[in-house]
Protein backbone atom coordinates (compact mmCIF):
# COMPACT_ATOMS: atom_id res chain seq x y z
CA MET A 1 83.30 94.25 82.04
CA MET A 2 82.71 97.66 83.58
CA SER A 3 79.95 98.25 86.09
CA THR A 4 77.54 101.15 85.96
CA MET A 5 77.30 103.51 88.90
CA ASP A 6 74.22 105.54 89.64
CA GLU A 7 74.38 108.45 92.03
CA LEU A 8 71.18 109.05 93.91
CA PRO A 9 69.97 112.54 94.75
CA THR A 10 70.56 111.83 98.44
CA GLU A 11 74.29 112.35 97.98
CA GLY A 12 75.49 115.48 99.73
CA ALA A 13 75.73 117.22 103.03
CA CYS A 14 73.08 116.31 105.61
CA ASP A 15 74.09 119.22 107.82
CA ASP A 16 77.32 121.07 108.57
CA SER A 17 79.30 118.02 109.63
CA ARG A 18 77.53 114.88 108.35
CA HIS A 19 77.68 113.58 104.81
CA LEU A 20 75.96 110.78 102.93
CA ILE A 21 76.98 109.02 99.73
CA ILE A 22 75.19 106.10 98.12
CA LEU A 23 76.39 103.77 95.38
CA VAL A 24 73.89 101.55 93.56
CA LYS A 25 75.31 98.60 91.60
CA GLY A 26 72.61 96.37 90.18
CA ARG A 27 70.80 94.92 93.19
CA GLU A 28 73.47 96.02 95.67
CA ARG A 29 73.20 99.28 97.61
CA TYR A 30 76.16 100.79 99.44
CA PHE A 31 75.62 103.63 101.93
CA TRP A 32 78.22 105.64 103.82
CA LEU A 33 77.38 108.25 106.42
CA TRP A 34 80.26 110.11 108.06
CA ASP A 35 81.03 113.35 109.82
CA ASP A 36 84.00 115.65 109.30
CA ASP A 37 85.98 114.06 112.12
CA ASN A 38 85.56 110.49 110.82
CA PHE A 39 86.37 110.84 107.14
CA MET A 40 89.22 108.30 107.26
CA VAL A 41 87.02 105.78 109.09
CA ALA A 42 84.60 105.91 106.14
CA VAL A 43 87.45 105.56 103.64
CA LYS A 44 88.82 102.51 105.48
CA SER A 45 85.34 101.02 105.48
CA ILE A 46 85.15 101.35 101.69
CA LEU A 47 88.55 99.70 101.30
CA ARG A 48 87.48 96.78 103.54
CA PHE A 49 84.41 96.27 101.31
CA VAL A 50 86.65 96.18 98.22
CA CYS A 51 88.62 93.33 99.79
CA SER A 52 85.46 91.27 100.35
CA ARG A 53 84.94 88.47 97.84
CA GLU A 54 81.23 88.42 98.74
CA LEU A 55 80.62 91.94 97.39
CA SER A 56 80.98 93.38 93.90
CA LEU A 57 82.61 96.65 94.99
CA THR A 58 85.74 97.21 92.86
CA LEU A 59 88.83 99.39 93.10
CA VAL A 60 87.32 101.60 90.39
CA ASP A 61 84.17 102.01 92.51
CA SER A 62 86.22 102.81 95.60
CA SER A 63 88.31 105.36 93.72
CA TYR A 64 85.16 107.09 92.51
CA LEU A 65 83.57 107.06 95.97
CA ILE A 66 86.65 108.36 97.75
CA ARG A 67 87.14 111.11 95.16
CA ARG A 68 83.50 112.24 95.57
CA MET A 69 83.78 112.03 99.36
CA THR A 70 86.94 114.15 99.28
CA GLU A 71 85.16 116.75 97.13
CA MET A 72 82.21 116.77 99.53
CA GLN A 73 84.58 117.13 102.50
CA MET A 74 86.37 120.05 100.84
CA GLU A 75 83.06 121.77 100.02
CA SER A 76 82.02 121.39 103.65
CA GLU A 77 85.29 122.92 104.85
CA ASP A 78 84.88 125.82 102.38
CA ASP A 79 81.39 126.47 103.74
CA LYS A 80 82.80 126.72 107.28
CA THR A 81 85.50 129.21 106.31
CA PRO A 82 84.40 132.74 107.22
CA ARG A 83 84.18 135.06 104.24
CA GLN A 84 86.05 138.34 104.42
CA SER A 85 84.11 141.39 103.38
CA PRO A 86 85.64 143.57 100.65
């Protein structure tokens, strides 16, 4: 049985270096807040939650979250890159 994932509008960059992603699964709410320097800490946190038998977070959920977090991280890095004028 597949679970449904709802993204809330609060997903996205909080400022230049902090990011927030939220996963809602039924009655459970998962929140991750990280900055650019601690991306891997957030990823490891997600993977620890997947290993917990007390939570319903799955490998599919973690894959989705990490993919979205990676996209958000890349967008943040692109925003920091100075643009060259033509």
